[in-house]
Amino acid sequence: MANIQKIKDNTLKHLGTSVMYTIVTVVAFGLIYPLVMTGVAQLIFPYQANGSMVYANGKPVGSAIIGQLWTKPQYFHGRPSAAGKGYDPTNTGATNLGPTSKKLIDSTKATIAALKKENPDATGPIPMDLVTSSGSGIDPDISPEGAYYQAPRVAKARSLPLTTVNALIARTITPRTFGILGEPRVNVLQLNMALDNLH
């Protein structure tokens, strides 16, 4: 009986300790740590901490790090999106379809046909990033080649010289980070805002 009582006492002691540790870790890492990190982020990186929002005339028009759907011919279009129903930042992800997937092949063929139809004056091969979705599905950037491919359509829709649109693209190209990381890219939202500012 003494041994049984001792086991019960030890069990209650360990249970009390584990409950205490659970409460301490929940408070420390579930409340205090997130609040401290949020405060530090707001002090040091307020732009990034608040979603890298982009404003026009004092109103938010999007985020510099989240792509959005552009359909009008006078705007540059971003990469295809597989995030949720498209560009959903709460449901990011790729298609996870393999290169032999019939669904992927059919989808790619349909995307190519749509690109050719909406860009009849484009020259050269279709850039890969205009056909394939990114890993996140919300990539805000396209390649410079993807922008130049769409330039004739945008220039025609806005009654602008193609040289003007091409020059604007050249000015908005972001080079490789530190000259070696990533690839040159164009932020679609910023390019489209620059287009609107031409007028």
Protein backbone atom coordinates (compact mmCIF):
# COMPACT_ATOMS: atom_id res chain seq x y z
CA MET A 1 0.00 0.00 0.00
CA ALA A 2 2.87 2.34 0.83
CA ASN A 3 4.34 1.76 -2.63
CA ILE A 4 1.01 2.45 -4.31
CA GLN A 5 0.64 5.69 -2.37
CA LYS A 6 4.18 6.68 -3.30
CA ILE A 7 3.43 6.04 -6.99
CA LYS A 8 0.27 8.16 -6.74
CA ASP A 9 2.19 10.98 -5.04
CA ASN A 10 4.92 10.86 -7.72
CA THR A 11 2.32 10.81 -10.48
CA LEU A 12 0.53 13.86 -9.03
CA LYS A 13 3.87 15.63 -8.57
CA HIS A 14 4.91 14.98 -12.21
CA LEU A 15 1.45 15.91 -13.46
CA GLY A 16 1.60 19.19 -11.54
CA THR A 17 5.08 19.90 -12.94
CA SER A 18 3.99 19.17 -16.52
CA VAL A 19 0.90 21.40 -16.16
CA MET A 20 3.08 24.21 -14.78
CA TYR A 21 5.58 23.87 -17.64
CA THR A 22 2.72 23.88 -20.15
CA ILE A 23 1.29 27.10 -18.68
CA VAL A 24 4.72 28.77 -18.59
CA THR A 25 5.59 27.81 -22.19
CA VAL A 26 2.16 28.82 -23.53
CA VAL A 27 2.42 32.23 -21.86
CA ALA A 28 6.09 32.72 -22.84
CA PHE A 29 5.96 31.46 -26.43
CA GLY A 30 2.28 31.92 -27.23
CA LEU A 31 1.84 35.43 -25.80
CA ILE A 32 5.01 37.21 -24.70
CA TYR A 33 7.30 36.16 -27.58
CA PRO A 34 4.82 37.03 -30.39
CA LEU A 35 4.03 40.40 -28.78
CA VAL A 36 7.73 41.25 -28.39
CA MET A 37 8.52 40.18 -31.99
CA THR A 38 5.54 42.18 -33.31
CA GLY A 39 6.72 45.25 -31.40
CA VAL A 40 10.31 44.89 -32.63
CA ALA A 41 9.11 44.39 -36.22
CA GLN A 42 6.90 47.49 -36.02
CA LEU A 43 9.86 49.53 -34.72
CA ILE A 44 12.56 48.29 -37.09
CA PHE A 45 10.66 47.15 -40.22
CA PRO A 46 7.21 48.82 -40.18
CA TYR A 47 6.77 48.67 -43.97
CA GLN A 48 7.45 44.93 -44.16
CA ALA A 49 5.60 44.15 -40.92
CA ASN A 50 2.44 45.75 -42.30
CA GLY A 51 2.41 43.73 -45.52
CA SER A 52 4.60 45.91 -47.78
CA MET A 53 1.50 47.82 -48.83
CA VAL A 54 1.61 50.05 -51.90
CA TYR A 55 -0.51 53.22 -51.95
CA ALA A 56 -1.82 55.42 -54.73
CA ASN A 57 -3.47 58.73 -53.83
CA GLY A 58 -3.45 57.70 -50.18
CA LYS A 59 -5.35 54.45 -50.82
CA PRO A 60 -3.89 50.94 -50.69
CA VAL A 61 -3.79 49.33 -54.13
CA GLY A 62 -1.94 46.14 -53.29
CA SER A 63 1.19 44.67 -51.81
CA ALA A 64 4.67 44.74 -53.30
CA ILE A 65 5.15 41.10 -52.30
CA ILE A 66 1.77 39.59 -53.26
CA GLY A 67 0.73 39.21 -56.89
CA GLN A 68 -2.77 40.02 -58.04
CA LEU A 69 -4.96 39.26 -61.04
CA TRP A 70 -4.70 41.71 -63.96
CA THR A 71 -7.04 41.14 -66.89
CA LYS A 72 -7.39 44.45 -68.74
CA PRO A 73 -5.32 44.76 -71.94
CA GLN A 74 -3.83 48.12 -70.88
CA TYR A 75 -2.06 46.48 -67.94
CA PHE A 76 0.77 43.99 -67.69
CA HIS A 77 -0.34 40.60 -66.40
CA GLY A 78 1.47 38.52 -63.80
CA ARG A 79 2.27 34.84 -63.63
CA PRO A 80 -0.53 32.24 -63.55
CA SER A 81 -1.57 31.43 -60.00
CA ALA A 82 -2.40 28.10 -58.37
CA ALA A 83 -3.03 29.67 -54.95
CA GLY A 84 -6.62 28.93 -53.94
CA LYS A 85 -8.83 30.41 -56.65
CA GLY A 86 -5.93 32.58 -57.75
CA TYR A 87 -3.53 34.89 -55.90
CA ASP A 88 -5.02 33.90 -52.53
CA PRO A 89 -2.39 34.76 -49.87
CA THR A 90 -4.19 32.56 -47.33
CA ASN A 91 -3.92 29.48 -49.56
CA THR A 92 -0.53 29.66 -51.25
CA GLY A 93 1.08 26.82 -53.10
CA ALA A 94 1.94 25.27 -56.43
CA THR A 95 -0.03 22.73 -58.44
CA ASN A 96 2.32 19.86 -57.44
CA LEU A 97 1.65 18.33 -60.85
CA GLY A 98 4.47 16.38 -62.49
CA PRO A 99 5.76 17.02 -66.02
CA THR A 100 3.81 14.06 -67.41
CA SER A 101 0.51 15.13 -65.82
CA LYS A 102 -2.24 15.43 -68.43
CA LYS A 103 -3.89 18.13 -66.35
CA LEU A 104 -0.68 20.19 -66.33
CA ILE A 105 -0.11 19.66 -70.07
CA ASP A 106 -3.69 20.69 -70.92
CA SER A 107 -3.49 23.70 -68.62
CA THR A 108 -0.18 24.80 -70.15
CA LYS A 109 -1.56 24.46 -73.69
CA ALA A 110 -4.61 26.53 -72.73
CA THR A 111 -2.40 29.21 -71.15
CA ILE A 112 -0.19 29.38 -74.26
CA ALA A 113 -3.25 29.69 -76.53
CA ALA A 114 -4.68 32.48 -74.35
CA LEU A 115 -1.36 34.35 -74.33
CA LYS A 116 -1.07 34.16 -78.12
CA LYS A 117 -4.65 35.38 -78.51
CA GLU A 118 -4.30 38.37 -76.19
CA ASN A 119 -0.80 39.25 -77.46
CA PRO A 120 -1.11 38.89 -81.26
CA ASP A 121 1.65 41.43 -81.95
CA ALA A 122 4.19 39.85 -79.60
CA THR A 123 7.40 38.58 -81.12
CA GLY A 124 9.70 35.81 -80.03
CA PRO A 125 8.97 32.78 -77.86
CA ILE A 126 6.61 33.02 -74.91
CA PRO A 127 8.64 33.44 -71.69
CA MET A 128 8.31 30.46 -69.35
CA ASP A 129 7.16 32.53 -66.37
CA LEU A 130 4.02 33.63 -68.24
CA VAL A 131 3.06 29.98 -68.71
CA THR A 132 3.98 28.40 -65.37
CA SER A 133 2.78 29.32 -61.90
CA SER A 134 5.28 30.02 -59.14
CA GLY A 135 5.84 27.82 -56.10
CA SER A 136 3.86 30.23 -53.92
CA GLY A 137 1.18 31.10 -56.47
CA ILE A 138 1.38 34.76 -55.45
CA ASP A 139 4.65 35.82 -57.11
CA PRO A 140 4.40 39.60 -57.66
CA ASP A 141 7.18 39.67 -60.27
CA ILE A 142 7.69 38.60 -63.86
CA SER A 143 10.88 38.37 -65.87
CA PRO A 144 11.92 41.33 -68.04
CA GLU A 145 11.27 39.05 -71.02
CA GLY A 146 7.73 38.48 -69.74
CA ALA A 147 7.18 42.24 -69.60
CA TYR A 148 8.68 42.92 -73.04
CA TYR A 149 6.53 40.14 -74.52
CA GLN A 150 3.38 41.96 -73.35
CA ALA A 151 4.61 45.45 -74.28
CA PRO A 152 3.02 45.61 -77.78
CA ARG A 153 -0.44 44.83 -76.36
CA VAL A 154 -0.10 47.41 -73.57
CA ALA A 155 1.26 50.06 -75.94
CA LYS A 156 -1.60 49.48 -78.40
CA ALA A 157 -4.27 49.53 -75.66
CA ARG A 158 -2.91 52.82 -74.29
CA SER A 159 -2.10 54.39 -77.69
CA LEU A 160 1.52 54.78 -76.64
CA PRO A 161 4.68 54.28 -78.70
CA LEU A 162 6.19 50.87 -78.07
CA THR A 163 9.53 52.55 -77.35
CA THR A 164 7.93 54.46 -74.46
CA VAL A 165 6.55 51.28 -72.89
CA ASN A 166 9.84 49.42 -73.40
CA ALA A 167 11.76 52.28 -71.79
CA LEU A 168 9.40 52.15 -68.80
CA ILE A 169 10.02 48.41 -68.44
CA ALA A 170 13.78 48.99 -68.55
CA ARG A 171 13.50 51.56 -65.75
CA THR A 172 11.52 49.20 -63.50
CA ILE A 173 13.78 46.15 -63.78
CA THR A 174 15.19 45.07 -60.42
CA PRO A 175 18.63 43.47 -60.88
CA ARG A 176 19.90 40.37 -59.09
CA THR A 177 20.23 40.86 -55.33
CA PHE A 178 23.87 41.71 -54.55
CA GLY A 179 24.55 41.06 -58.23
CA ILE A 180 24.49 37.26 -57.80
CA LEU A 181 21.25 36.12 -56.11
CA GLY A 182 18.08 35.40 -58.06
CA GLU A 183 17.25 36.74 -61.50
CA PRO A 184 16.39 40.21 -62.83
CA ARG A 185 12.67 40.84 -62.33
CA VAL A 186 9.89 43.35 -62.79
CA ASN A 187 7.25 44.01 -60.13
CA VAL A 188 3.94 43.94 -62.01
CA LEU A 189 2.08 46.25 -59.61
CA GLN A 190 4.80 48.89 -59.66
CA LEU A 191 5.10 48.66 -63.46
CA ASN A 192 1.35 49.12 -63.90
CA MET A 193 1.33 52.05 -61.47
CA ALA A 194 4.20 53.63 -63.43
CA LEU A 195 2.12 53.18 -66.58
CA ASP A 196 -0.83 54.97 -65.02
CA ASN A 197 1.48 57.79 -63.88
CA LEU A 198 2.56 58.40 -67.50
CA HIS A 199 -0.81 60.08 -68.01
